[in-house]
Amino acid sequence: MPTQPIQAIIFDFDLTLADSSEAIVECTQYALTRLDCPSATPERIRSVIGLSLPVMFRSLSGDADPERASAFVRYFVERADVIMVQSTRIYPQVPGLLADLRNEGLALAIVSTKFRHRIDAILTVAGLRSQVDVLVGGEDVKRHKPDPEGIVQALGQLGIPAAQAIYVGDHAVDAQAAAQAGTGFIGMVSGTTSFDAWTQAGKKAVKRHVGEVVDLVRAMRLV
């Protein structure tokens, strides 16, 4: 946990700020079908949202062939180009949350395995792009979460040390990336990890929704 005053909040995107799970399920099933792979249930696909696409493919199919993983990525993106932006729903608490964090004087960033241009388009449609200082997407890094490269890159662009930042995410790889980057962490319950599970893992977490982040951050700034 940061021991210096918090100056920045960095968010994961999928299942943290927005729900694009229906589109991700459709894109994944489309790509698996094109590769003649067995279908995966929506529940199984949702459990790996947040991982890089090649890792998703290996996890869902058991296939470690890098060429087939690359083909999976191509097919996924092909379908995502058609449906992803309009099918993504920003959580209703997010506009107020970002405004409140801005009013606290905090810098805001997003670090996600999702393509940066896709996040940019979704935020623009929602009228929220101006609220975010830095976007780091999957195409901007060589190593994806749990590697901290994306978080480190965002911190560099913000000009803020890790000890003054909090990363907010819904998946275990988010917590691992935050730990390796040296930032604090707040867990979401909009993915597959419950409040109790985060607490048992020794992590701070919201109890119901992402809007609670502002109160957690305020409390952490008082410590």
C-alpha atoms as a PDB file:
ATOM      1  CA  MET A   1       0.000   0.000   0.000  1.00  0.00           C
ATOM      2  CA  PRO A   2       1.329   3.471  -0.841  1.00  0.00           C
ATOM      3  CA  THR A   3       3.003   5.242   2.069  1.00  0.00           C
ATOM      4  CA  GLN A   4       3.005   8.605   0.259  1.00  0.00           C
ATOM      5  CA  PRO A   5       0.000  10.831  -0.545  1.00  0.00           C
ATOM      6  CA  ILE A   6      -2.153   9.303  -3.290  1.00  0.00           C
ATOM      7  CA  GLN A   7      -1.940  11.349  -6.481  1.00  0.00           C
ATOM      8  CA  ALA A   8      -3.313   9.002  -9.157  1.00  0.00           C
ATOM      9  CA  ILE A   9      -5.948   6.331  -9.661  1.00  0.00           C
ATOM     10  CA  ILE A  10      -5.367   3.866 -12.492  1.00  0.00           C
ATOM     11  CA  PHE A  11      -8.233   1.671 -13.638  1.00  0.00           C
ATOM     12  CA  ASP A  12      -8.545  -1.579 -15.475  1.00  0.00           C
ATOM     13  CA  PHE A  13     -11.387  -1.291 -18.015  1.00  0.00           C
ATOM     14  CA  ASP A  14     -13.429  -4.432 -18.699  1.00  0.00           C
ATOM     15  CA  LEU A  15     -15.573  -5.413 -15.691  1.00  0.00           C
ATOM     16  CA  THR A  16     -14.079  -2.496 -13.757  1.00  0.00           C
ATOM     17  CA  LEU A  17     -15.389   0.620 -15.500  1.00  0.00           C
ATOM     18  CA  ALA A  18     -17.543  -1.053 -18.119  1.00  0.00           C
ATOM     19  CA  ASP A  19     -19.337  -4.248 -19.026  1.00  0.00           C
ATOM     20  CA  SER A  20     -18.462  -5.509 -22.481  1.00  0.00           C
ATOM     21  CA  SER A  21     -18.845  -9.146 -21.468  1.00  0.00           C
ATOM     22  CA  GLU A  22     -21.651  -9.935 -23.922  1.00  0.00           C
ATOM     23  CA  ALA A  23     -19.555  -8.667 -26.826  1.00  0.00           C
ATOM     24  CA  ILE A  24     -16.440 -10.453 -25.555  1.00  0.00           C
ATOM     25  CA  VAL A  25     -18.395 -13.706 -25.291  1.00  0.00           C
ATOM     26  CA  GLU A  26     -19.693 -13.294 -28.840  1.00  0.00           C
ATOM     27  CA  CYS A  27     -16.252 -12.417 -30.236  1.00  0.00           C
ATOM     28  CA  THR A  28     -14.652 -15.345 -28.424  1.00  0.00           C
ATOM     29  CA  GLN A  29     -17.233 -17.851 -29.606  1.00  0.00           C
ATOM     30  CA  TYR A  30     -16.937 -16.481 -33.144  1.00  0.00           C
ATOM     31  CA  ALA A  31     -13.144 -16.916 -33.103  1.00  0.00           C
ATOM     32  CA  LEU A  32     -13.316 -20.419 -31.610  1.00  0.00           C
ATOM     33  CA  THR A  33     -15.835 -21.451 -34.258  1.00  0.00           C
ATOM     34  CA  ARG A  34     -13.649 -20.114 -37.065  1.00  0.00           C
ATOM     35  CA  LEU A  35     -10.810 -22.268 -35.698  1.00  0.00           C
ATOM     36  CA  ASP A  36     -13.041 -25.347 -35.359  1.00  0.00           C
ATOM     37  CA  CYS A  37     -12.457 -25.376 -31.601  1.00  0.00           C
ATOM     38  CA  PRO A  38     -15.060 -26.649 -29.142  1.00  0.00           C
ATOM     39  CA  SER A  39     -17.341 -23.857 -27.950  1.00  0.00           C
ATOM     40  CA  ALA A  40     -16.847 -22.331 -24.504  1.00  0.00           C
ATOM     41  CA  THR A  41     -19.729 -21.387 -22.229  1.00  0.00           C
ATOM     42  CA  PRO A  42     -20.362 -17.710 -21.482  1.00  0.00           C
ATOM     43  CA  GLU A  43     -19.481 -18.383 -17.833  1.00  0.00           C
ATOM     44  CA  ARG A  44     -16.124 -19.883 -18.791  1.00  0.00           C
ATOM     45  CA  ILE A  45     -15.339 -16.994 -21.111  1.00  0.00           C
ATOM     46  CA  ARG A  46     -16.280 -14.406 -18.481  1.00  0.00           C
ATOM     47  CA  SER A  47     -13.826 -16.029 -16.055  1.00  0.00           C
ATOM     48  CA  VAL A  48     -10.884 -15.155 -18.327  1.00  0.00           C
ATOM     49  CA  ILE A  49     -11.917 -11.618 -19.303  1.00  0.00           C
ATOM     50  CA  GLY A  50      -8.967  -9.364 -18.576  1.00  0.00           C
ATOM     51  CA  LEU A  51      -6.331 -11.805 -19.774  1.00  0.00           C
ATOM     52  CA  SER A  52      -4.578 -11.145 -23.070  1.00  0.00           C
ATOM     53  CA  LEU A  53      -6.275 -12.712 -26.090  1.00  0.00           C
ATOM     54  CA  PRO A  54      -3.556 -15.347 -26.686  1.00  0.00           C
ATOM     55  CA  VAL A  55      -3.747 -16.384 -23.041  1.00  0.00           C
ATOM     56  CA  MET A  56      -7.546 -16.481 -23.257  1.00  0.00           C
ATOM     57  CA  PHE A  57      -7.257 -18.797 -26.245  1.00  0.00           C
ATOM     58  CA  ARG A  58      -4.852 -21.178 -24.511  1.00  0.00           C
ATOM     59  CA  SER A  59      -6.967 -21.196 -21.370  1.00  0.00           C
ATOM     60  CA  LEU A  60     -10.224 -21.907 -23.223  1.00  0.00           C
ATOM     61  CA  SER A  61      -8.947 -24.358 -25.821  1.00  0.00           C
ATOM     62  CA  GLY A  62      -5.901 -25.989 -24.249  1.00  0.00           C
ATOM     63  CA  ASP A  63      -4.128 -25.264 -27.552  1.00  0.00           C
ATOM     64  CA  ALA A  64      -0.594 -23.879 -27.153  1.00  0.00           C
ATOM     65  CA  ASP A  65       0.095 -23.396 -30.880  1.00  0.00           C
ATOM     66  CA  PRO A  66       1.200 -19.742 -31.259  1.00  0.00           C
ATOM     67  CA  GLU A  67       0.003 -19.582 -34.874  1.00  0.00           C
ATOM     68  CA  ARG A  68      -3.492 -20.661 -33.881  1.00  0.00           C
ATOM     69  CA  ALA A  69      -3.406 -18.183 -31.002  1.00  0.00           C
ATOM     70  CA  SER A  70      -2.559 -15.442 -33.501  1.00  0.00           C
ATOM     71  CA  ALA A  71      -5.444 -16.571 -35.695  1.00  0.00           C
ATOM     72  CA  PHE A  72      -7.752 -16.453 -32.676  1.00  0.00           C
ATOM     73  CA  VAL A  73      -6.705 -12.853 -32.079  1.00  0.00           C
ATOM     74  CA  ARG A  74      -7.388 -11.937 -35.709  1.00  0.00           C
ATOM     75  CA  TYR A  75     -10.855 -13.487 -35.688  1.00  0.00           C
ATOM     76  CA  PHE A  76     -11.706 -11.957 -32.299  1.00  0.00           C
ATOM     77  CA  VAL A  77     -10.672  -8.491 -33.497  1.00  0.00           C
ATOM     78  CA  GLU A  78     -12.542  -8.970 -36.770  1.00  0.00           C
ATOM     79  CA  ARG A  79     -15.787  -9.431 -34.876  1.00  0.00           C
ATOM     80  CA  ALA A  80     -14.953  -6.839 -32.207  1.00  0.00           C
ATOM     81  CA  ASP A  81     -14.500  -4.190 -34.894  1.00  0.00           C
ATOM     82  CA  VAL A  82     -18.180  -4.665 -35.710  1.00  0.00           C
ATOM     83  CA  ILE A  83     -19.845  -4.964 -32.294  1.00  0.00           C
ATOM     84  CA  MET A  84     -17.586  -3.958 -29.403  1.00  0.00           C
ATOM     85  CA  VAL A  85     -18.060  -0.199 -29.071  1.00  0.00           C
ATOM     86  CA  GLN A  86     -21.852  -0.137 -29.328  1.00  0.00           C
ATOM     87  CA  SER A  87     -22.212  -3.255 -27.150  1.00  0.00           C
ATOM     88  CA  THR A  88     -20.187  -1.922 -24.211  1.00  0.00           C
ATOM     89  CA  ARG A  89     -22.039  -0.429 -21.243  1.00  0.00           C
ATOM     90  CA  ILE A  90     -20.246   1.998 -18.941  1.00  0.00           C
ATOM     91  CA  TYR A  91     -21.321   1.290 -15.356  1.00  0.00           C
ATOM     92  CA  PRO A  92     -23.799   3.963 -14.211  1.00  0.00           C
ATOM     93  CA  GLN A  93     -21.643   5.036 -11.247  1.00  0.00           C
ATOM     94  CA  VAL A  94     -18.608   5.803 -13.435  1.00  0.00           C
ATOM     95  CA  PRO A  95     -19.365   9.383 -14.614  1.00  0.00           C
ATOM     96  CA  GLY A  96     -19.920  10.574 -11.052  1.00  0.00           C
ATOM     97  CA  LEU A  97     -16.932   8.626  -9.780  1.00  0.00           C
ATOM     98  CA  LEU A  98     -14.535  10.130 -12.304  1.00  0.00           C
ATOM     99  CA  ALA A  99     -15.853  13.623 -11.589  1.00  0.00           C
ATOM    100  CA  ASP A 100     -15.469  13.104  -7.830  1.00  0.00           C
ATOM    101  CA  LEU A 101     -11.914  11.818  -8.204  1.00  0.00           C
ATOM    102  CA  ARG A 102     -11.099  14.805 -10.401  1.00  0.00           C
ATOM    103  CA  ASN A 103     -12.495  17.087  -7.712  1.00  0.00           C
ATOM    104  CA  GLU A 104     -10.114  15.386  -5.266  1.00  0.00           C
ATOM    105  CA  GLY A 105      -7.256  16.604  -7.479  1.00  0.00           C
ATOM    106  CA  LEU A 106      -6.294  13.116  -8.644  1.00  0.00           C
ATOM    107  CA  ALA A 107      -4.821  12.156 -12.002  1.00  0.00           C
ATOM    108  CA  LEU A 108      -6.728   9.368 -13.749  1.00  0.00           C
ATOM    109  CA  ALA A 109      -5.518   6.653 -16.117  1.00  0.00           C
ATOM    110  CA  ILE A 110      -6.690   3.378 -17.625  1.00  0.00           C
ATOM    111  CA  VAL A 111      -4.450   0.343 -18.166  1.00  0.00           C
ATOM    112  CA  SER A 112      -6.128  -2.561 -19.934  1.00  0.00           C
ATOM    113  CA  THR A 113      -5.467  -5.479 -22.244  1.00  0.00           C
ATOM    114  CA  LYS A 114      -8.241  -4.024 -24.452  1.00  0.00           C
ATOM    115  CA  PHE A 115      -7.027  -2.035 -27.446  1.00  0.00           C
ATOM    116  CA  ARG A 116      -6.456   1.623 -26.603  1.00  0.00           C
ATOM    117  CA  HIS A 117      -8.360   2.842 -29.666  1.00  0.00           C
ATOM    118  CA  ARG A 118     -11.354   0.765 -28.572  1.00  0.00           C
ATOM    119  CA  ILE A 119     -11.359   2.238 -25.057  1.00  0.00           C
ATOM    120  CA  ASP A 120     -10.918   5.714 -26.534  1.00  0.00           C
ATOM    121  CA  ALA A 121     -13.964   5.221 -28.759  1.00  0.00           C
ATOM    122  CA  ILE A 122     -16.123   3.835 -25.929  1.00  0.00           C
ATOM    123  CA  LEU A 123     -15.207   6.712 -23.611  1.00  0.00           C
ATOM    124  CA  THR A 124     -15.807   9.252 -26.382  1.00  0.00           C
ATOM    125  CA  VAL A 125     -19.292   7.877 -27.075  1.00  0.00           C
ATOM    126  CA  ALA A 126     -20.022   8.076 -23.320  1.00  0.00           C
ATOM    127  CA  GLY A 127     -18.712  11.657 -23.116  1.00  0.00           C
ATOM    128  CA  LEU A 128     -15.993  10.655 -20.636  1.00  0.00           C
ATOM    129  CA  ARG A 129     -12.770  10.798 -22.658  1.00  0.00           C
ATOM    130  CA  SER A 130     -11.737  14.189 -21.248  1.00  0.00           C
ATOM    131  CA  GLN A 131     -11.855  12.785 -17.708  1.00  0.00           C
ATOM    132  CA  VAL A 132      -8.967  10.375 -18.312  1.00  0.00           C
ATOM    133  CA  ASP A 133      -5.394  11.646 -18.594  1.00  0.00           C
ATOM    134  CA  VAL A 134      -3.657   8.524 -19.884  1.00  0.00           C
ATOM    135  CA  LEU A 135      -4.792   5.386 -21.730  1.00  0.00           C
ATOM    136  CA  VAL A 136      -2.535   2.344 -22.042  1.00  0.00           C
ATOM    137  CA  GLY A 137      -4.020  -0.471 -24.105  1.00  0.00           C
ATOM    138  CA  GLY A 138      -3.023  -3.954 -25.105  1.00  0.00           C
ATOM    139  CA  GLU A 139      -1.229  -2.744 -28.221  1.00  0.00           C
ATOM    140  CA  ASP A 140       1.014  -0.456 -26.138  1.00  0.00           C
ATOM    141  CA  VAL A 141       2.878  -3.156 -24.197  1.00  0.00           C
ATOM    142  CA  LYS A 142       4.913  -6.247 -24.965  1.00  0.00           C
ATOM    143  CA  ARG A 143       4.046  -8.007 -21.708  1.00  0.00           C
ATOM    144  CA  HIS A 144       0.488  -8.146 -20.417  1.00  0.00           C
ATOM    145  CA  LYS A 145      -0.832  -8.413 -16.865  1.00  0.00           C
ATOM    146  CA  PRO A 146       0.186  -9.815 -14.427  1.00  0.00           C
ATOM    147  CA  ASP A 147       3.342  -8.148 -15.759  1.00  0.00           C
ATOM    148  CA  PRO A 148       3.349  -4.537 -14.500  1.00  0.00           C
ATOM    149  CA  GLU A 149       4.567  -3.011 -17.792  1.00  0.00           C
ATOM    150  CA  GLY A 150       1.288  -1.235 -18.545  1.00  0.00           C
ATOM    151  CA  ILE A 151       0.976   0.273 -15.078  1.00  0.00           C
ATOM    152  CA  VAL A 152       4.618   1.354 -15.124  1.00  0.00           C
ATOM    153  CA  GLN A 153       4.093   2.982 -18.514  1.00  0.00           C
ATOM    154  CA  ALA A 154       1.036   4.881 -17.271  1.00  0.00           C
ATOM    155  CA  LEU A 155       2.913   6.081 -14.190  1.00  0.00           C
ATOM    156  CA  GLY A 156       5.706   7.326 -16.426  1.00  0.00           C
ATOM    157  CA  GLN A 157       3.289   9.274 -18.602  1.00  0.00           C
ATOM    158  CA  LEU A 158       1.620  10.761 -15.525  1.00  0.00           C
ATOM    159  CA  GLY A 159       4.951  11.568 -13.912  1.00  0.00           C
ATOM    160  CA  ILE A 160       3.794  10.031 -10.625  1.00  0.00           C
ATOM    161  CA  PRO A 161       5.707   7.427  -8.563  1.00  0.00           C
ATOM    162  CA  ALA A 162       4.122   4.050  -7.911  1.00  0.00           C
ATOM    163  CA  ALA A 163       3.896   4.700  -4.179  1.00  0.00           C
ATOM    164  CA  GLN A 164       1.461   7.546  -4.906  1.00  0.00           C
ATOM    165  CA  ALA A 165      -0.920   5.526  -7.090  1.00  0.00           C
ATOM    166  CA  ILE A 166      -3.732   2.997  -6.721  1.00  0.00           C
ATOM    167  CA  TYR A 167      -4.657   0.427  -9.358  1.00  0.00           C
ATOM    168  CA  VAL A 168      -8.302  -0.649  -9.497  1.00  0.00           C
ATOM    169  CA  GLY A 169      -9.261  -3.966 -11.094  1.00  0.00           C
ATOM    170  CA  ASP A 170     -11.516  -6.996 -10.982  1.00  0.00           C
ATOM    171  CA  HIS A 171      -9.146  -9.904 -11.651  1.00  0.00           C
ATOM    172  CA  ALA A 172      -6.320 -11.606  -9.771  1.00  0.00           C
ATOM    173  CA  VAL A 173      -3.894 -10.557 -12.532  1.00  0.00           C
ATOM    174  CA  ASP A 174      -4.780  -6.917 -11.773  1.00  0.00           C
ATOM    175  CA  ALA A 175      -3.800  -7.361  -8.120  1.00  0.00           C
ATOM    176  CA  GLN A 176      -0.601  -9.135  -9.152  1.00  0.00           C
ATOM    177  CA  ALA A 177       0.336  -6.392 -11.610  1.00  0.00           C
ATOM    178  CA  ALA A 178      -0.295  -3.715  -8.977  1.00  0.00           C
ATOM    179  CA  ALA A 179       1.892  -5.559  -6.466  1.00  0.00           C
ATOM    180  CA  GLN A 180       4.723  -5.890  -8.977  1.00  0.00           C
ATOM    181  CA  ALA A 181       4.420  -2.239 -10.009  1.00  0.00           C
ATOM    182  CA  GLY A 182       4.485  -1.092  -6.380  1.00  0.00           C
ATOM    183  CA  THR A 183       1.075   0.612  -6.358  1.00  0.00           C
ATOM    184  CA  GLY A 184      -1.819   0.065  -4.004  1.00  0.00           C
ATOM    185  CA  PHE A 185      -4.829  -1.916  -5.136  1.00  0.00           C
ATOM    186  CA  ILE A 186      -8.629  -1.870  -4.854  1.00  0.00           C
ATOM    187  CA  GLY A 187     -10.595  -4.917  -5.979  1.00  0.00           C
ATOM    188  CA  MET A 188     -13.892  -4.847  -7.867  1.00  0.00           C
ATOM    189  CA  VAL A 189     -16.752  -7.305  -7.345  1.00  0.00           C
ATOM    190  CA  SER A 190     -18.123  -6.882 -10.888  1.00  0.00           C
ATOM    191  CA  GLY A 191     -15.914  -9.703 -12.138  1.00  0.00           C
ATOM    192  CA  THR A 192     -15.662 -13.186 -10.666  1.00  0.00           C
ATOM    193  CA  THR A 193     -13.987 -12.264  -7.360  1.00  0.00           C
ATOM    194  CA  SER A 194     -16.214 -11.524  -4.363  1.00  0.00           C
ATOM    195  CA  PHE A 195     -15.637  -9.000  -1.593  1.00  0.00           C
ATOM    196  CA  ASP A 196     -14.929 -11.844   0.830  1.00  0.00           C
ATOM    197  CA  ALA A 197     -12.392 -13.369  -1.557  1.00  0.00           C
ATOM    198  CA  TRP A 198     -10.565 -10.051  -1.925  1.00  0.00           C
ATOM    199  CA  THR A 199     -10.585  -9.577   1.845  1.00  0.00           C
ATOM    200  CA  GLN A 200      -9.243 -13.075   2.432  1.00  0.00           C
ATOM    201  CA  ALA A 201      -6.448 -12.267  -0.021  1.00  0.00           C
ATOM    202  CA  GLY A 202      -5.582  -9.207   2.053  1.00  0.00           C
ATOM    203  CA  LYS A 203      -6.867  -6.681  -0.508  1.00  0.00           C
ATOM    204  CA  LYS A 204      -9.095  -3.657  -0.116  1.00  0.00           C
ATOM    205  CA  ALA A 205     -12.255  -3.930  -2.200  1.00  0.00           C
ATOM    206  CA  VAL A 206     -15.606  -2.351  -2.899  1.00  0.00           C
ATOM    207  CA  LYS A 207     -18.617  -4.200  -1.494  1.00  0.00           C
ATOM    208  CA  ARG A 208     -21.183  -3.454  -4.214  1.00  0.00           C
ATOM    209  CA  HIS A 209     -20.007  -1.312  -7.135  1.00  0.00           C
ATOM    210  CA  VAL A 210     -17.239   0.849  -8.565  1.00  0.00           C
ATOM    211  CA  GLY A 211     -18.778   4.061  -7.224  1.00  0.00           C
ATOM    212  CA  GLU A 212     -17.484   3.139  -3.764  1.00  0.00           C
ATOM    213  CA  VAL A 213     -13.900   3.679  -4.925  1.00  0.00           C
ATOM    214  CA  VAL A 214     -14.019   7.382  -4.106  1.00  0.00           C
ATOM    215  CA  ASP A 215     -14.818   6.753  -0.426  1.00  0.00           C
ATOM    216  CA  LEU A 216     -12.081   4.117  -0.168  1.00  0.00           C
ATOM    217  CA  VAL A 217      -9.583   6.496  -1.742  1.00  0.00           C
ATOM    218  CA  ARG A 218     -10.600   9.339   0.596  1.00  0.00           C
ATOM    219  CA  ALA A 219     -10.115   7.056   3.582  1.00  0.00           C
ATOM    220  CA  MET A 220      -6.733   5.916   2.286  1.00  0.00           C
ATOM    221  CA  ARG A 221      -5.619   9.512   1.800  1.00  0.00           C
ATOM    222  CA  LEU A 222      -6.304  10.208   5.470  1.00  0.00           C
ATOM    223  CA  VAL A 223      -4.014   7.407   6.686  1.00  0.00           C
END
